[in-house]
Protein backbone atom coordinates (compact mmCIF):
# COMPACT_ATOMS: atom_id res chain seq x y z
CA MET A 1 4.35 -14.64 -30.19
CA ASN A 2 3.69 -18.35 -30.63
CA TYR A 3 5.63 -21.24 -32.25
CA LEU A 4 5.35 -20.21 -35.89
CA ALA A 5 6.45 -16.63 -35.33
CA HIS A 6 9.40 -17.61 -33.15
CA LEU A 7 10.63 -20.16 -35.68
CA PHE A 8 10.14 -17.72 -38.55
CA LEU A 9 11.84 -14.77 -36.84
CA SER A 10 15.02 -16.79 -36.28
CA GLY A 11 16.12 -16.32 -39.89
CA ASP A 12 18.03 -19.16 -41.52
CA ASP A 13 20.28 -20.10 -38.59
CA GLU A 14 19.38 -23.60 -37.34
CA ASP A 15 20.86 -23.10 -33.86
CA LEU A 16 19.09 -19.77 -33.35
CA ARG A 17 15.88 -21.40 -34.57
CA LEU A 18 16.24 -24.32 -32.17
CA GLY A 19 16.94 -22.03 -29.21
CA ASN A 20 14.05 -19.76 -30.10
CA PHE A 21 11.73 -22.78 -30.37
CA ILE A 22 12.65 -24.40 -27.02
CA ALA A 23 13.06 -21.19 -24.99
CA ASP A 24 9.77 -21.41 -23.10
CA SER A 25 10.93 -24.73 -21.65
CA VAL A 26 14.30 -23.37 -20.48
CA ARG A 27 14.39 -21.76 -17.03
CA GLY A 28 17.04 -19.43 -15.62
CA ALA A 29 20.52 -20.93 -15.44
CA GLN A 30 19.44 -23.96 -17.52
CA ILE A 31 20.39 -21.84 -20.51
CA LEU A 32 24.06 -22.54 -19.74
CA GLN A 33 23.54 -26.23 -20.58
CA PHE A 34 23.19 -25.40 -24.28
CA PRO A 35 25.74 -24.55 -27.01
CA LEU A 36 26.41 -20.82 -27.41
CA GLN A 37 24.38 -20.37 -30.62
CA VAL A 38 21.39 -22.16 -29.08
CA GLN A 39 21.73 -19.92 -26.01
CA GLN A 40 21.58 -16.94 -28.35
CA GLY A 41 18.36 -18.31 -29.83
CA ILE A 42 16.88 -18.60 -26.33
CA LYS A 43 17.89 -14.98 -25.65
CA LEU A 44 16.39 -13.92 -29.01
CA HIS A 45 13.10 -15.54 -27.99
CA ARG A 46 13.08 -13.56 -24.76
CA LEU A 47 13.86 -10.31 -26.58
CA ILE A 48 11.02 -10.97 -29.05
CA ASP A 49 8.62 -11.63 -26.16
CA ALA A 50 9.69 -8.46 -24.34
CA PHE A 51 9.31 -6.34 -27.50
CA THR A 52 5.87 -7.85 -28.14
CA ASP A 53 4.66 -7.44 -24.55
CA GLN A 54 5.60 -3.74 -24.51
CA HIS A 55 4.26 -2.83 -27.96
CA PRO A 56 1.27 -0.44 -28.07
CA VAL A 57 -0.45 -2.27 -30.95
CA VAL A 58 -0.29 -5.56 -29.04
CA ALA A 59 -1.69 -3.68 -26.03
CA GLU A 60 -4.75 -2.81 -28.17
CA THR A 61 -5.27 -6.48 -29.01
CA LYS A 62 -4.91 -7.56 -25.38
CA GLN A 63 -7.24 -4.81 -24.18
CA ARG A 64 -9.99 -6.15 -26.45
CA LEU A 65 -9.33 -9.71 -25.24
CA ARG A 66 -8.98 -9.00 -21.52
CA PRO A 67 -12.71 -8.83 -20.57
CA LYS A 68 -13.21 -12.42 -21.79
CA PHE A 69 -9.80 -13.99 -21.17
CA ARG A 70 -8.36 -11.91 -18.31
CA LYS A 71 -4.77 -12.98 -17.55
CA TYR A 72 -4.76 -15.27 -20.60
CA ALA A 73 -5.34 -12.35 -23.00
CA GLY A 74 -1.65 -12.31 -23.95
CA VAL A 75 -1.66 -16.04 -24.70
CA VAL A 76 -4.72 -15.67 -26.93
CA ALA A 77 -3.14 -12.69 -28.71
CA ASP A 78 0.02 -14.72 -29.41
CA VAL A 79 -2.01 -17.54 -30.96
CA PHE A 80 -4.17 -15.15 -32.99
CA TYR A 81 -1.03 -13.52 -34.37
CA ASP A 82 0.35 -16.92 -35.42
CA HIS A 83 -2.89 -17.43 -37.34
CA PHE A 84 -2.41 -14.20 -39.25
CA LEU A 85 1.23 -14.98 -39.97
CA ALA A 86 0.26 -18.44 -41.27
CA SER A 87 -2.70 -17.22 -43.30
CA HIS A 88 -0.67 -14.36 -44.84
CA PHE A 89 2.67 -16.19 -45.02
CA PRO A 90 3.35 -15.18 -48.67
CA THR A 91 3.22 -11.54 -47.55
CA TYR A 92 6.16 -12.09 -45.20
CA SER A 93 8.13 -14.93 -46.79
CA PRO A 94 9.01 -16.08 -50.32
CA GLN A 95 8.97 -19.68 -49.02
CA PRO A 96 5.60 -21.50 -48.95
CA LEU A 97 4.31 -22.19 -45.45
CA ALA A 98 4.22 -25.98 -45.92
CA GLU A 99 7.86 -25.98 -47.05
CA PHE A 100 8.92 -23.73 -44.17
CA ALA A 101 7.11 -25.97 -41.66
CA HIS A 102 8.71 -29.13 -43.06
CA THR A 103 12.17 -27.56 -42.81
CA ALA A 104 11.55 -26.33 -39.26
CA TYR A 105 10.29 -29.73 -38.08
CA THR A 106 13.29 -31.47 -39.68
CA GLN A 107 15.78 -29.09 -38.07
CA VAL A 108 14.27 -29.35 -34.60
CA GLN A 109 14.02 -33.16 -34.77
CA ALA A 110 17.67 -33.41 -35.81
CA ARG A 111 18.88 -32.34 -32.33
CA PRO A 112 16.90 -34.56 -29.91
CA GLU A 113 19.65 -34.41 -27.28
CA LEU A 114 19.06 -30.66 -26.90
CA LEU A 115 15.27 -30.81 -26.55
CA PRO A 116 13.85 -30.25 -23.05
CA GLU A 117 11.48 -32.95 -21.82
CA LYS A 118 8.39 -30.81 -22.38
CA VAL A 119 9.36 -30.24 -26.03
CA ARG A 120 10.14 -33.92 -26.57
CA HIS A 121 6.66 -34.69 -25.28
CA PHE A 122 4.67 -32.38 -27.58
CA LEU A 123 6.87 -32.32 -30.71
CA PRO A 124 5.66 -35.64 -32.22
CA HIS A 125 2.05 -34.48 -31.77
CA MET A 126 2.90 -31.10 -33.29
CA ILE A 127 4.45 -32.71 -36.37
CA ARG A 128 1.79 -35.40 -36.78
CA HIS A 129 -0.99 -32.79 -36.76
CA ASN A 130 1.15 -30.19 -38.61
CA TRP A 131 0.35 -27.38 -36.20
CA LEU A 132 2.33 -24.75 -38.10
CA VAL A 133 0.31 -25.22 -41.29
CA SER A 134 -2.98 -25.78 -39.44
CA TYR A 135 -2.62 -22.32 -37.87
CA ALA A 136 -3.61 -20.81 -41.24
CA GLN A 137 -7.19 -21.96 -40.67
CA VAL A 138 -9.46 -20.65 -37.91
CA GLU A 139 -10.26 -24.30 -37.09
CA GLY A 140 -6.57 -24.99 -36.46
CA ILE A 141 -6.24 -22.01 -34.15
CA THR A 142 -9.44 -23.00 -32.35
CA ARG A 143 -8.01 -26.50 -31.70
CA ALA A 144 -4.76 -24.98 -30.43
CA LEU A 145 -6.63 -22.70 -28.03
CA GLN A 146 -8.86 -25.53 -26.82
CA GLY A 147 -5.71 -27.54 -26.06
CA LEU A 148 -4.22 -24.61 -24.14
CA SER A 149 -7.47 -24.19 -22.22
CA SER A 150 -7.47 -27.82 -21.13
CA ARG A 151 -3.95 -27.39 -19.70
CA ALA A 152 -4.54 -24.00 -18.04
CA THR A 153 -4.24 -23.85 -14.26
CA PHE A 154 -7.32 -21.66 -13.92
CA ALA A 155 -10.53 -21.32 -15.95
CA SER A 156 -9.32 -19.40 -18.99
CA GLY A 157 -12.19 -19.27 -21.46
CA MET A 158 -9.65 -19.98 -24.22
CA GLU A 159 -11.85 -22.77 -25.55
CA THR A 160 -14.18 -20.00 -26.85
CA ALA A 161 -11.42 -17.84 -28.36
CA GLY A 162 -12.09 -19.09 -31.88
CA GLU A 163 -15.52 -17.46 -31.69
CA GLU A 164 -13.90 -14.22 -30.51
CA LEU A 165 -11.47 -14.33 -33.43
CA LEU A 166 -14.29 -14.65 -35.95
CA GLU A 167 -16.36 -11.95 -34.25
CA ASN A 168 -13.60 -9.32 -34.37
CA TYR A 169 -11.46 -10.77 -37.18
CA THR A 170 -10.86 -7.50 -39.02
CA PHE A 171 -9.61 -5.69 -35.90
CA TYR A 172 -7.14 -8.44 -34.98
CA GLN A 173 -5.94 -8.80 -38.55
CA GLN A 174 -5.30 -5.07 -38.90
CA GLU A 175 -3.41 -4.98 -35.60
CA PHE A 176 -1.25 -7.91 -36.64
CA HIS A 177 -0.29 -6.25 -39.95
CA ARG A 178 0.51 -2.98 -38.14
CA PHE A 179 2.68 -4.79 -35.62
CA PHE A 180 4.45 -7.66 -37.36
CA PRO A 181 6.71 -5.71 -39.78
CA GLN A 182 8.07 -3.82 -36.77
CA LEU A 183 8.73 -7.08 -34.96
CA GLN A 184 10.43 -8.50 -38.07
CA ALA A 185 12.74 -5.49 -38.25
CA TYR A 186 13.52 -5.71 -34.53
CA ALA A 187 14.31 -9.45 -34.68
CA ALA A 188 16.53 -8.97 -37.76
CA GLN A 189 18.42 -6.22 -35.92
CA GLN A 190 18.92 -8.45 -32.87
CA ILE A 191 20.23 -11.28 -35.07
CA LEU A 192 22.78 -8.89 -36.61
CA LEU A 193 23.92 -7.88 -33.12
CA ILE A 194 24.22 -11.55 -32.11
CA ARG A 195 26.31 -12.41 -35.15
CA ASN A 196 28.70 -9.45 -34.82
């Protein structure tokens, strides 16, 4: 899953949300440098990724993407799923997307001393261009994928992924709606285990 889903699946706990948001920039034993609740958010992120990577519905999405995007199929799937979460946010949350995004940005910015360098670098750009809200539009997702493509180590084809999304939109949308409620339930269960 991508930024929006990880922030959303953290529930209302600011420390869990922060840890879940920064987790991709935290390697190995670096986790021990963070407060316990933030560490738990980092662990939650990793559990969400593992659940997603092993899920048969996500495997269907990646199988359709693999011929064009090869090893980047999982990255493209994550970004596509953030699009469907953003564009169907009222289905999954009583809070409007714009309000949720504003709250998330505010919470993450409030703890600059805990942000890894990579996050400190992209966060102002993310907020200025309101990535979380822009994901609701295909154009926003296309820009995100073009940015990822420009930073990829190998030729990824991700700059064309917006076209792929439009071409097979119904398939990806159906897969997201089959998968995401299960991920929501799993994340909620893991948060209960963390808190108890």
